[in-house]
Amino acid sequence: MQSYRDRIDIIVSILDIANGNEVRQTEILNKANISYNRFKECLFLLYRYGLIELGHTQPESQRTYRTTAKGTHLLGICNKMRAICKITPYESLPGNNKLSLFVNT
């Protein structure tokens, strides 16, 4: 079963891979398991909103990417949201009755 990842999931993956590291494009493509076109689309948004910064490695002078402080902050928020969703799924909330959403009592 293949799961669909939306743009937010891919952006979070890219930020996580580049968090605290100077990573090359090929490393991001491989670890995030995304196409080059999808990467370019997400990179535009990440760079536009100051979530990722570009650099160059020496002596090869290849482009590298690193998550900015703003990107790290966003990554932390996303990780907290994921943790909340895993801890308190809707079905396990106290007093939950799925039918009460649809039946007027």
N, C-alpha and C. Protein backbone atom coordinates (compact mmCIF):
# COMPACT_ATOMS: atom_id res chain seq x y z
N MET A 1 0.84 -1.18 0.00
CA MET A 1 0.00 0.00 0.00
C MET A 1 0.89 1.24 0.00
N GLN A 2 0.68 2.09 -0.96
CA GLN A 2 1.46 3.31 -1.06
C GLN A 2 0.65 4.46 -0.47
N SER A 3 1.27 5.21 0.41
CA SER A 3 0.55 6.31 1.03
C SER A 3 0.87 7.61 0.30
N TYR A 4 -0.10 8.47 0.25
CA TYR A 4 0.04 9.76 -0.40
C TYR A 4 0.60 10.76 0.61
N ARG A 5 1.61 11.50 0.20
CA ARG A 5 2.16 12.56 1.04
C ARG A 5 1.82 13.90 0.39
N ASP A 6 1.26 14.78 1.17
CA ASP A 6 0.96 16.10 0.63
C ASP A 6 2.18 17.00 0.72
N ARG A 7 2.04 18.21 0.25
CA ARG A 7 3.15 19.16 0.21
C ARG A 7 3.72 19.43 1.60
N ILE A 8 2.86 19.53 2.59
CA ILE A 8 3.32 19.79 3.96
C ILE A 8 4.22 18.66 4.45
N ASP A 9 3.81 17.41 4.22
CA ASP A 9 4.62 16.26 4.63
C ASP A 9 6.00 16.29 3.98
N ILE A 10 6.04 16.62 2.71
CA ILE A 10 7.31 16.67 1.99
C ILE A 10 8.18 17.82 2.50
N ILE A 11 7.57 18.96 2.74
CA ILE A 11 8.31 20.11 3.27
C ILE A 11 8.91 19.78 4.64
N VAL A 12 8.13 19.13 5.49
CA VAL A 12 8.63 18.73 6.81
C VAL A 12 9.78 17.74 6.65
N SER A 13 9.68 16.81 5.71
CA SER A 13 10.76 15.86 5.45
C SER A 13 12.04 16.58 5.04
N ILE A 14 11.92 17.54 4.13
CA ILE A 14 13.09 18.29 3.67
C ILE A 14 13.71 19.06 4.82
N LEU A 15 12.89 19.74 5.61
CA LEU A 15 13.41 20.49 6.75
C LEU A 15 14.11 19.57 7.74
N ASP A 16 13.54 18.40 7.96
CA ASP A 16 14.13 17.45 8.90
C ASP A 16 15.48 16.93 8.40
N ILE A 17 15.57 16.65 7.12
CA ILE A 17 16.82 16.15 6.54
C ILE A 17 17.91 17.22 6.60
N ALA A 18 17.53 18.47 6.35
CA ALA A 18 18.51 19.57 6.32
C ALA A 18 18.69 20.23 7.68
N ASN A 19 18.08 19.70 8.72
CA ASN A 19 18.13 20.32 10.04
C ASN A 19 19.50 20.12 10.68
N GLY A 20 20.23 21.22 10.84
CA GLY A 20 21.54 21.17 11.48
C GLY A 20 22.65 20.64 10.58
N ASN A 21 22.35 20.41 9.34
CA ASN A 21 23.32 19.85 8.42
C ASN A 21 23.40 20.70 7.16
N GLU A 22 24.51 20.57 6.47
CA GLU A 22 24.60 21.10 5.12
C GLU A 22 24.49 19.90 4.20
N VAL A 23 23.34 19.73 3.59
CA VAL A 23 23.09 18.56 2.76
C VAL A 23 22.97 18.96 1.30
N ARG A 24 23.37 18.05 0.44
CA ARG A 24 23.26 18.28 -1.00
C ARG A 24 21.90 17.84 -1.48
N GLN A 25 21.57 18.33 -2.65
CA GLN A 25 20.28 18.04 -3.26
C GLN A 25 20.03 16.54 -3.41
N THR A 26 21.03 15.79 -3.87
CA THR A 26 20.84 14.35 -4.07
C THR A 26 20.52 13.63 -2.77
N GLU A 27 21.11 14.08 -1.67
CA GLU A 27 20.82 13.47 -0.37
C GLU A 27 19.37 13.72 0.02
N ILE A 28 18.90 14.94 -0.21
CA ILE A 28 17.50 15.26 0.10
C ILE A 28 16.56 14.44 -0.77
N LEU A 29 16.86 14.36 -2.08
CA LEU A 29 16.01 13.61 -2.99
C LEU A 29 15.92 12.14 -2.58
N ASN A 30 17.05 11.56 -2.20
CA ASN A 30 17.08 10.15 -1.82
C ASN A 30 16.39 9.90 -0.49
N LYS A 31 16.72 10.68 0.52
CA LYS A 31 16.16 10.44 1.86
C LYS A 31 14.67 10.78 1.93
N ALA A 32 14.25 11.84 1.22
CA ALA A 32 12.84 12.22 1.23
C ALA A 32 12.02 11.41 0.22
N ASN A 33 12.73 10.69 -0.66
CA ASN A 33 12.08 9.89 -1.69
C ASN A 33 11.10 10.72 -2.53
N ILE A 34 11.64 11.79 -3.10
CA ILE A 34 10.83 12.68 -3.94
C ILE A 34 11.51 12.90 -5.28
N SER A 35 10.73 13.35 -6.25
CA SER A 35 11.27 13.65 -7.56
C SER A 35 11.93 15.03 -7.56
N TYR A 36 12.74 15.27 -8.56
CA TYR A 36 13.41 16.57 -8.69
C TYR A 36 12.38 17.69 -8.85
N ASN A 37 11.34 17.46 -9.65
CA ASN A 37 10.32 18.50 -9.85
C ASN A 37 9.58 18.82 -8.56
N ARG A 38 9.26 17.81 -7.80
CA ARG A 38 8.59 18.03 -6.51
C ARG A 38 9.51 18.79 -5.55
N PHE A 39 10.80 18.43 -5.59
CA PHE A 39 11.79 19.12 -4.77
C PHE A 39 11.86 20.61 -5.13
N LYS A 40 11.92 20.91 -6.43
CA LYS A 40 11.99 22.31 -6.86
C LYS A 40 10.77 23.10 -6.40
N GLU A 41 9.61 22.49 -6.49
CA GLU A 41 8.37 23.13 -6.06
C GLU A 41 8.40 23.47 -4.57
N CYS A 42 8.82 22.51 -3.77
CA CYS A 42 8.88 22.72 -2.32
C CYS A 42 10.01 23.65 -1.94
N LEU A 43 11.15 23.54 -2.62
CA LEU A 43 12.29 24.40 -2.33
C LEU A 43 11.94 25.87 -2.53
N PHE A 44 11.17 26.16 -3.57
CA PHE A 44 10.75 27.53 -3.82
C PHE A 44 10.00 28.09 -2.61
N LEU A 45 9.08 27.31 -2.06
CA LEU A 45 8.32 27.76 -0.89
C LEU A 45 9.21 27.90 0.34
N LEU A 46 10.07 26.90 0.55
CA LEU A 46 10.97 26.94 1.71
C LEU A 46 11.88 28.15 1.68
N TYR A 47 12.43 28.43 0.53
CA TYR A 47 13.35 29.57 0.39
C TYR A 47 12.59 30.90 0.48
N ARG A 48 11.43 30.95 -0.15
CA ARG A 48 10.62 32.18 -0.16
C ARG A 48 10.23 32.62 1.25
N TYR A 49 9.93 31.65 2.11
CA TYR A 49 9.50 31.98 3.46
C TYR A 49 10.62 31.90 4.50
N GLY A 50 11.85 31.78 4.02
CA GLY A 50 13.00 31.82 4.93
C GLY A 50 13.15 30.61 5.82
N LEU A 51 12.71 29.45 5.35
CA LEU A 51 12.78 28.24 6.15
C LEU A 51 14.03 27.42 5.86
N ILE A 52 14.66 27.71 4.73
CA ILE A 52 15.88 27.00 4.34
C ILE A 52 16.85 27.99 3.72
N GLU A 53 18.14 27.75 3.91
CA GLU A 53 19.14 28.63 3.31
C GLU A 53 20.05 27.84 2.41
N LEU A 54 20.57 28.51 1.41
CA LEU A 54 21.47 27.89 0.44
C LEU A 54 22.90 28.19 0.82
N GLY A 55 23.77 27.25 0.54
CA GLY A 55 25.19 27.42 0.78
C GLY A 55 25.97 26.71 -0.30
N HIS A 56 27.27 26.70 -0.18
CA HIS A 56 28.13 26.00 -1.13
C HIS A 56 29.22 25.28 -0.35
N THR A 57 29.48 24.04 -0.76
CA THR A 57 30.56 23.29 -0.14
C THR A 57 31.88 23.66 -0.80
N GLN A 58 32.93 23.59 -0.05
CA GLN A 58 34.26 23.85 -0.58
C GLN A 58 35.01 22.54 -0.62
N PRO A 59 35.84 22.23 -1.50
CA PRO A 59 36.27 22.98 -2.68
C PRO A 59 35.41 22.71 -3.90
N GLU A 60 34.44 21.77 -3.79
CA GLU A 60 33.65 21.40 -4.97
C GLU A 60 32.69 22.50 -5.41
N SER A 61 32.36 23.38 -4.52
CA SER A 61 31.43 24.48 -4.77
C SER A 61 30.07 23.97 -5.25
N GLN A 62 29.58 22.92 -4.59
CA GLN A 62 28.25 22.42 -4.87
C GLN A 62 27.25 23.06 -3.91
N ARG A 63 26.05 23.25 -4.39
CA ARG A 63 25.01 23.87 -3.57
C ARG A 63 24.59 22.93 -2.46
N THR A 64 24.47 23.49 -1.27
CA THR A 64 23.98 22.74 -0.11
C THR A 64 22.79 23.49 0.48
N TYR A 65 22.06 22.79 1.33
CA TYR A 65 20.87 23.35 1.95
C TYR A 65 20.94 23.11 3.44
N ARG A 66 20.44 24.09 4.20
CA ARG A 66 20.41 23.99 5.65
C ARG A 66 19.12 24.65 6.15
N THR A 67 18.50 24.02 7.13
CA THR A 67 17.30 24.57 7.75
C THR A 67 17.67 25.79 8.58
N THR A 68 16.92 26.88 8.43
CA THR A 68 17.16 28.10 9.20
C THR A 68 16.54 27.95 10.59
N ALA A 69 16.77 28.93 11.44
CA ALA A 69 16.16 28.93 12.78
C ALA A 69 14.64 28.95 12.66
N LYS A 70 14.14 29.72 11.72
CA LYS A 70 12.69 29.78 11.49
C LYS A 70 12.17 28.41 11.03
N GLY A 71 12.94 27.74 10.17
CA GLY A 71 12.56 26.41 9.71
C GLY A 71 12.59 25.39 10.83
N THR A 72 13.58 25.49 11.70
CA THR A 72 13.68 24.60 12.86
C THR A 72 12.50 24.80 13.80
N HIS A 73 12.09 26.05 13.96
CA HIS A 73 10.92 26.35 14.80
C HIS A 73 9.66 25.71 14.21
N LEU A 74 9.47 25.84 12.90
CA LEU A 74 8.32 25.24 12.24
C LEU A 74 8.37 23.72 12.36
N LEU A 75 9.55 23.14 12.20
CA LEU A 75 9.73 21.70 12.33
C LEU A 75 9.34 21.23 13.73
N GLY A 76 9.71 21.99 14.75
CA GLY A 76 9.33 21.66 16.12
C GLY A 76 7.83 21.67 16.32
N ILE A 77 7.17 22.67 15.75
CA ILE A 77 5.71 22.76 15.85
C ILE A 77 5.06 21.56 15.17
N CYS A 78 5.54 21.21 13.98
CA CYS A 78 4.98 20.06 13.26
C CYS A 78 5.19 18.77 14.03
N ASN A 79 6.35 18.60 14.64
CA ASN A 79 6.61 17.39 15.43
C ASN A 79 5.71 17.32 16.66
N LYS A 80 5.45 18.47 17.29
CA LYS A 80 4.54 18.49 18.44
C LYS A 80 3.12 18.12 18.00
N MET A 81 2.70 18.62 16.85
CA MET A 81 1.37 18.30 16.34
C MET A 81 1.25 16.80 16.04
N ARG A 82 2.29 16.23 15.46
CA ARG A 82 2.28 14.79 15.19
C ARG A 82 2.19 14.00 16.49
N ALA A 83 2.93 14.43 17.50
CA ALA A 83 2.90 13.75 18.80
C ALA A 83 1.51 13.85 19.42
N ILE A 84 0.88 14.99 19.34
CA ILE A 84 -0.46 15.16 19.89
C ILE A 84 -1.44 14.24 19.18
N CYS A 85 -1.34 14.17 17.88
CA CYS A 85 -2.25 13.31 17.11
C CYS A 85 -2.06 11.84 17.44
N LYS A 86 -0.84 11.43 17.74
CA LYS A 86 -0.58 10.03 18.09
C LYS A 86 -1.02 9.72 19.51
N ILE A 87 -0.94 10.70 20.41
CA ILE A 87 -1.28 10.47 21.82
C ILE A 87 -2.78 10.45 22.03
N THR A 88 -3.49 11.36 21.39
CA THR A 88 -4.92 11.46 21.64
C THR A 88 -5.72 11.35 20.34
N PRO A 89 -5.76 10.16 19.76
CA PRO A 89 -6.60 10.02 18.58
C PRO A 89 -8.06 10.24 18.94
N TYR A 90 -8.83 10.72 18.02
CA TYR A 90 -10.22 11.08 18.25
C TYR A 90 -11.01 9.95 18.88
N GLU A 91 -10.80 8.74 18.41
CA GLU A 91 -11.58 7.61 18.89
C GLU A 91 -11.35 7.30 20.36
N SER A 92 -10.20 7.70 20.93
CA SER A 92 -9.90 7.34 22.31
C SER A 92 -10.20 8.45 23.31
N LEU A 93 -10.76 9.56 22.87
CA LEU A 93 -11.08 10.64 23.80
C LEU A 93 -12.20 10.20 24.74
N PRO A 94 -12.14 10.60 26.01
CA PRO A 94 -13.17 10.20 26.97
C PRO A 94 -14.55 10.71 26.55
N GLY A 95 -15.54 9.87 26.71
CA GLY A 95 -16.91 10.27 26.40
C GLY A 95 -17.20 10.36 24.92
N ASN A 96 -16.32 9.87 24.08
CA ASN A 96 -16.52 9.95 22.65
C ASN A 96 -17.60 8.98 22.21
N ASN A 97 -18.54 9.48 21.46
CA ASN A 97 -19.56 8.65 20.85
C ASN A 97 -19.73 9.15 19.44
N LYS A 98 -19.25 8.38 18.49
CA LYS A 98 -19.27 8.81 17.09
C LYS A 98 -20.69 9.16 16.63
N LEU A 99 -21.67 8.43 17.12
CA LEU A 99 -23.03 8.69 16.69
C LEU A 99 -23.54 10.03 17.18
N SER A 100 -23.02 10.53 18.28
CA SER A 100 -23.49 11.81 18.80
C SER A 100 -23.18 12.96 17.86
N LEU A 101 -22.24 12.74 16.94
CA LEU A 101 -21.94 13.78 15.96
C LEU A 101 -23.03 13.90 14.93
N PHE A 102 -23.76 12.79 14.70
CA PHE A 102 -24.74 12.77 13.64
C PHE A 102 -26.19 12.70 14.12
N VAL A 103 -26.37 12.31 15.36
CA VAL A 103 -27.72 12.15 15.89
C VAL A 103 -27.98 13.26 16.89
N ASN A 104 -29.09 13.94 16.73
CA ASN A 104 -29.48 15.01 17.64
C ASN A 104 -30.21 14.38 18.84
N THR A 105 -29.58 14.42 20.02
CA THR A 105 -30.22 13.78 21.19
C THR A 105 -30.76 14.80 22.14
